[in-house]
Amino acid sequence: MNQLTFNNGNEMPQLGLGVFRVANDDTAKLAVKHAIINGYRSIDAALVYENEEMVGQGIKEGIAAAGISREDLFITSKLWFDDFGKNNVIRGYERSLNNLGLNYLDLYLVHWPGTDEALMIDTWLGMEKLYKDGKVKNIGVSNFNIDHLETLKKNAQFKPVINQVEFHPYFNQSLLRNYLIEEDIQMESWSPLMNAEILADETINEIAQTINKSTAQVVLRWNIQHGVITIPKSITPARIEQNIDVFGFELSETQMTKIDKLNKNQRVGPDPAQFNG
């Protein structure tokens, strides 16, 4: 598994399991457990997904079944609007820890910037305190545009180590991606398979047939070769196994360019400039 390095020197696996819209029952538990058994070491959770309890059970059972330790895993969760504000961040963090049954997170993200700039800054100061107090190993953001990041840069002591955003062949965020490279902030893609919509694309299917890989593997490999961290969601055991099997082949420069040209600036999620929970 590839590891990418943050601007603070810590590392994160380049591919993990996402659990957005997974039910808080055995579905979540078994998906996480199966992923860990099959080599996943990164799990991406969030308070607002309302499934942290069973994700936590999956982590616990996966650790036991795989014969590894908690320290071998990289667990992420995210702060929701309800706990915005410097003095409230610790409350949201501890709630996620309690739900997951963990005593620390490897990465904690501000889930969205919101539309109140002063509150966004104040919230980031709370994230910094969490980090300085040694309660979390890394802090970052999710769904931040360049202007949000520039605002943080002017008001923060620590820059985010990562920005988790919508990224897929129909929305390749080239300006933001280049900005993050310049700022030494890792980029992470949520919805890399565009809720499976991208899997029907003709160009991607042609490439998949040419190299004898699945369409999902082609898209995930495109993420990997762009240096993006990716967290495909699946609850199907065979797809969980297939999605991590993207490190033994490469797309050619021509194939990468063909996929890059599919960009339509087409979102499947909200516009961060307008979203407020």
Protein backbone atom coordinates (compact mmCIF):
# COMPACT_ATOMS: atom_id res chain seq x y z
CA MET A 1 0.00 0.00 0.00
CA ASN A 2 1.34 3.41 -0.97
CA GLN A 3 1.80 5.93 1.85
CA LEU A 4 1.71 9.68 1.25
CA THR A 5 3.50 12.11 3.57
CA PHE A 6 1.83 15.11 5.22
CA ASN A 7 3.43 18.52 5.70
CA ASN A 8 4.05 17.60 9.37
CA GLY A 9 6.00 14.46 8.42
CA ASN A 10 3.26 11.94 9.28
CA GLU A 11 1.99 9.47 6.68
CA MET A 12 -1.39 8.18 5.47
CA PRO A 13 -2.30 5.21 3.25
CA GLN A 14 -3.21 6.35 -0.25
CA LEU A 15 -6.34 4.20 -0.38
CA GLY A 16 -8.95 3.53 2.27
CA LEU A 17 -12.58 2.59 2.82
CA GLY A 18 -15.34 5.21 2.87
CA VAL A 19 -18.54 4.57 4.85
CA PHE A 20 -20.85 7.40 3.75
CA ARG A 21 -24.49 6.24 3.48
CA VAL A 22 -23.77 2.86 5.08
CA ALA A 23 -26.37 1.72 7.62
CA ASN A 24 -25.42 1.69 11.31
CA ASP A 25 -25.85 -2.06 11.61
CA ASP A 26 -24.02 -5.23 10.60
CA THR A 27 -23.67 -3.75 7.09
CA ALA A 28 -21.13 -1.20 8.33
CA LYS A 29 -19.48 -3.59 10.76
CA LEU A 30 -18.94 -6.35 8.21
CA ALA A 31 -17.75 -3.99 5.45
CA VAL A 32 -15.10 -2.45 7.72
CA LYS A 33 -14.06 -5.83 9.11
CA HIS A 34 -13.76 -7.34 5.62
CA ALA A 35 -11.75 -4.34 4.42
CA ILE A 36 -9.25 -4.63 7.28
CA ILE A 37 -8.87 -8.38 6.77
CA ASN A 38 -8.14 -7.72 3.09
CA GLY A 39 -5.40 -5.16 3.63
CA TYR A 40 -7.16 -1.84 4.11
CA ARG A 41 -5.50 0.21 6.82
CA SER A 42 -7.43 3.47 6.43
CA ILE A 43 -11.10 3.95 7.37
CA ASP A 44 -12.86 7.26 6.72
CA ALA A 45 -15.77 8.00 9.07
CA ALA A 46 -17.78 11.06 10.13
CA LEU A 47 -20.13 11.94 12.96
CA VAL A 48 -22.86 13.03 10.56
CA TYR A 49 -22.86 9.63 8.81
CA GLU A 50 -24.58 8.31 11.97
CA ASN A 51 -22.81 4.95 11.77
CA GLU A 52 -19.68 5.44 13.88
CA GLU A 53 -20.82 2.87 16.45
CA MET A 54 -20.91 -0.03 14.00
CA VAL A 55 -17.87 1.24 12.10
CA GLY A 56 -16.11 1.07 15.47
CA GLN A 57 -17.29 -2.51 15.96
CA GLY A 58 -15.94 -3.37 12.52
CA ILE A 59 -12.59 -1.81 13.43
CA LYS A 60 -12.45 -3.81 16.67
CA GLU A 61 -13.36 -7.12 15.01
CA GLY A 62 -11.13 -6.39 11.99
CA ILE A 63 -8.10 -5.78 14.23
CA ALA A 64 -8.69 -9.09 15.99
CA ALA A 65 -9.31 -11.05 12.77
CA ALA A 66 -6.30 -9.58 10.94
CA GLY A 67 -3.96 -10.01 13.90
CA ILE A 68 -2.89 -6.37 13.87
CA SER A 69 -2.92 -3.55 16.42
CA ARG A 70 -4.86 -0.28 16.55
CA GLU A 71 -1.61 1.52 15.72
CA ASP A 72 -1.52 -0.26 12.34
CA LEU A 73 -4.72 1.54 11.30
CA PHE A 74 -5.36 5.11 10.18
CA ILE A 75 -8.81 6.25 11.32
CA THR A 76 -10.41 9.52 10.22
CA SER A 77 -13.54 11.27 11.42
CA LYS A 78 -15.02 14.72 10.87
CA LEU A 79 -16.41 17.64 12.86
CA TRP A 80 -19.97 18.65 12.00
CA PHE A 81 -21.51 22.14 12.17
CA ASP A 82 -23.17 21.39 15.53
CA ASP A 83 -19.75 21.49 17.17
CA PHE A 84 -18.25 24.47 15.34
CA GLY A 85 -16.47 27.08 17.44
CA LYS A 86 -13.12 26.89 19.23
CA ASN A 87 -14.60 25.75 22.54
CA ASN A 88 -16.89 23.12 20.99
CA VAL A 89 -14.39 21.17 18.88
CA ILE A 90 -13.33 18.96 21.79
CA ARG A 91 -16.99 17.99 22.34
CA GLY A 92 -17.40 16.81 18.76
CA TYR A 93 -14.07 14.99 18.84
CA GLU A 94 -14.85 13.13 22.05
CA ARG A 95 -18.29 12.19 20.75
CA SER A 96 -16.71 10.53 17.71
CA LEU A 97 -14.11 8.79 19.89
CA ASN A 98 -16.86 7.44 22.13
CA ASN A 99 -18.95 6.28 19.17
CA LEU A 100 -15.98 4.54 17.55
CA GLY A 101 -14.69 3.04 20.80
CA LEU A 102 -11.24 4.58 20.26
CA ASN A 103 -8.95 6.70 22.42
CA TYR A 104 -7.51 8.75 19.56
CA LEU A 105 -7.99 9.51 15.87
CA ASP A 106 -5.22 9.61 13.29
CA LEU A 107 -6.95 12.42 11.41
CA TYR A 108 -9.75 14.82 12.31
CA LEU A 109 -11.31 17.04 9.65
CA VAL A 110 -13.55 20.09 9.61
CA HIS A 111 -16.27 18.53 7.45
CA TRP A 112 -17.35 21.71 5.60
CA PRO A 113 -16.18 25.33 5.81
CA GLY A 114 -19.68 26.79 6.20
CA THR A 115 -20.63 30.32 5.13
CA ASP A 116 -19.56 32.17 8.30
CA GLU A 117 -15.88 33.01 7.82
CA ALA A 118 -15.30 34.12 11.42
CA LEU A 119 -16.81 30.89 12.75
CA MET A 120 -14.70 28.85 10.33
CA ILE A 121 -11.52 30.51 11.62
CA ASP A 122 -12.59 30.08 15.25
CA THR A 123 -13.32 26.41 14.61
CA TRP A 124 -9.89 25.87 13.07
CA LEU A 125 -8.30 27.42 16.17
CA GLY A 126 -10.12 24.74 18.16
CA MET A 127 -8.72 22.08 15.84
CA GLU A 128 -5.24 23.50 16.38
CA LYS A 129 -5.69 23.29 20.16
CA LEU A 130 -6.73 19.65 19.83
CA TYR A 131 -3.55 19.01 17.84
CA LYS A 132 -1.25 21.00 20.15
CA ASP A 133 -2.69 19.18 23.16
CA GLY A 134 -1.69 15.86 21.56
CA LYS A 135 -5.25 14.54 21.40
CA VAL A 136 -5.18 13.91 17.63
CA LYS A 137 -2.27 13.04 15.37
CA ASN A 138 -3.27 15.17 12.35
CA ILE A 139 -5.82 17.87 11.53
CA GLY A 140 -7.25 18.81 8.16
CA VAL A 141 -10.28 20.04 6.29
CA SER A 142 -12.88 18.76 3.89
CA ASN A 143 -14.66 20.57 1.05
CA PHE A 144 -12.55 23.73 1.34
CA ASN A 145 -12.08 25.91 -1.73
CA ILE A 146 -8.93 27.91 -2.40
CA ASP A 147 -10.39 31.06 -0.80
CA HIS A 148 -11.25 29.12 2.38
CA LEU A 149 -7.69 27.81 2.55
CA GLU A 150 -6.23 31.26 1.94
CA THR A 151 -8.30 32.60 4.84
CA LEU A 152 -6.97 29.88 7.12
CA LYS A 153 -3.44 30.59 5.95
CA LYS A 154 -3.74 34.19 7.14
CA ASN A 155 -5.20 33.29 10.52
CA ALA A 156 -3.80 29.88 11.47
CA GLN A 157 -0.66 28.59 13.15
CA PHE A 158 -0.87 25.22 11.40
CA LYS A 159 -1.97 24.61 7.85
CA PRO A 160 -4.24 21.59 7.22
CA VAL A 161 -2.38 18.41 6.29
CA ILE A 162 -5.14 17.41 3.88
CA ASN A 163 -8.24 18.65 2.05
CA GLN A 164 -10.84 16.00 1.31
CA VAL A 165 -12.98 17.10 -1.63
CA GLU A 166 -15.19 15.82 -4.41
CA PHE A 167 -12.88 14.56 -7.14
CA HIS A 168 -13.61 12.27 -10.08
CA PRO A 169 -13.09 12.32 -13.87
CA TYR A 170 -16.13 14.57 -14.44
CA PHE A 171 -14.92 17.03 -11.77
CA ASN A 172 -11.15 16.93 -11.69
CA GLN A 173 -10.55 20.15 -9.70
CA SER A 174 -7.32 20.95 -11.57
CA LEU A 175 -6.97 24.49 -10.12
CA LEU A 176 -7.50 23.31 -6.55
CA ARG A 177 -5.25 20.30 -7.11
CA ASN A 178 -2.39 22.50 -8.33
CA TYR A 179 -2.92 24.91 -5.42
CA LEU A 180 -2.74 22.06 -2.89
CA ILE A 181 0.48 20.77 -4.47
CA GLU A 182 2.02 24.24 -4.16
CA GLU A 183 0.88 24.54 -0.54
CA ASP A 184 2.03 21.01 0.41
CA ILE A 185 -1.46 19.96 1.43
CA GLN A 186 -2.51 16.45 0.43
CA MET A 187 -5.68 16.05 -1.63
CA GLU A 188 -8.16 13.30 -0.85
CA SER A 189 -11.14 12.35 -3.01
CA TRP A 190 -14.56 11.52 -1.73
CA SER A 191 -17.02 9.95 -4.17
CA PRO A 192 -14.15 8.92 -6.48
CA LEU A 193 -16.56 6.69 -8.41
CA MET A 194 -19.24 9.41 -8.56
CA ASN A 195 -21.84 7.20 -6.85
CA ALA A 196 -21.10 4.61 -9.59
CA GLU A 197 -22.24 7.02 -12.34
CA ILE A 198 -18.73 7.32 -13.77
CA LEU A 199 -18.54 3.53 -14.25
CA ALA A 200 -20.82 3.80 -17.29
CA ASP A 201 -18.50 6.19 -19.11
CA GLU A 202 -17.56 4.91 -22.56
CA THR A 203 -13.93 6.09 -22.48
CA ILE A 204 -13.28 4.49 -19.10
CA ASN A 205 -14.91 1.25 -20.22
CA GLU A 206 -12.71 1.16 -23.32
CA ILE A 207 -9.58 1.61 -21.21
CA ALA A 208 -10.77 -1.04 -18.75
CA GLN A 209 -11.27 -3.55 -21.56
CA THR A 210 -7.87 -2.74 -23.06
CA ILE A 211 -5.98 -3.43 -19.83
CA ASN A 212 -8.32 -6.14 -18.51
CA LYS A 213 -9.30 -4.26 -15.36
CA SER A 214 -12.66 -3.14 -13.97
CA THR A 215 -13.92 0.38 -14.64
CA ALA A 216 -13.67 1.10 -10.90
CA GLN A 217 -10.04 0.00 -10.85
CA VAL A 218 -9.27 2.32 -13.79
CA VAL A 219 -10.80 5.33 -12.00
CA LEU A 220 -9.09 4.55 -8.71
CA ARG A 221 -5.76 4.05 -10.48
CA TRP A 222 -6.27 7.47 -12.14
CA ASN A 223 -6.61 8.91 -8.62
CA ILE A 224 -3.48 7.12 -7.45
CA GLN A 225 -1.37 8.32 -10.39
CA HIS A 226 -2.48 11.89 -9.77
CA GLY A 227 -1.10 11.56 -6.24
CA VAL A 228 -4.57 11.81 -4.70
CA ILE A 229 -5.62 9.86 -1.61
CA THR A 230 -8.88 8.04 -2.30
CA ILE A 231 -11.59 6.39 -0.19
CA PRO A 232 -14.01 4.36 -2.36
CA LYS A 233 -17.11 3.20 -0.53
CA SER A 234 -18.40 -0.35 -0.93
CA ILE A 235 -20.27 -2.86 1.21
CA THR A 236 -19.81 -5.71 -1.28
CA PRO A 237 -16.94 -8.03 -0.28
CA ALA A 238 -15.79 -8.69 -3.87
CA ARG A 239 -15.73 -4.97 -4.70
CA ILE A 240 -13.94 -4.12 -1.48
CA GLU A 241 -11.24 -6.60 -2.53
CA GLN A 242 -11.17 -5.33 -6.12
CA ASN A 243 -10.91 -1.65 -5.12
CA ILE A 244 -7.68 -2.13 -3.20
CA ASP A 245 -6.10 -4.10 -6.06
CA VAL A 246 -4.91 -1.01 -7.94
CA PHE A 247 -1.20 -0.95 -7.14
CA GLY A 248 -0.01 -3.65 -9.52
CA PHE A 249 -0.61 -1.87 -12.82
CA GLU A 250 -0.26 1.58 -14.39
CA LEU A 251 -2.28 3.65 -16.81
CA SER A 252 -0.30 5.03 -19.73
CA GLU A 253 0.18 8.76 -20.18
CA THR A 254 -2.27 8.62 -23.10
CA GLN A 255 -4.89 6.85 -20.98
CA MET A 256 -4.44 9.35 -18.15
CA THR A 257 -4.89 12.24 -20.59
CA LYS A 258 -8.04 10.69 -22.05
CA ILE A 259 -9.56 10.47 -18.58
CA ASP A 260 -8.43 14.01 -17.71
CA LYS A 261 -10.29 15.28 -20.78
CA LEU A 262 -13.59 13.87 -19.45
CA ASN A 263 -13.86 16.80 -17.03
CA LYS A 264 -17.24 18.58 -17.13
CA ASN A 265 -16.97 20.49 -13.82
CA GLN A 266 -19.94 18.34 -12.80
CA ARG A 267 -20.58 17.98 -9.08
CA VAL A 268 -22.61 15.28 -7.35
CA GLY A 269 -22.40 17.06 -3.99
CA PRO A 270 -23.10 20.59 -2.72
CA ASP A 271 -21.05 23.66 -3.61
CA PRO A 272 -18.87 24.40 -0.56
CA ALA A 273 -19.26 28.14 -1.12
CA GLN A 274 -22.99 27.87 -0.35
CA PHE A 275 -23.42 24.82 1.89
CA ASN A 276 -24.15 25.39 5.57
CA GLY A 277 -25.40 22.04 6.82
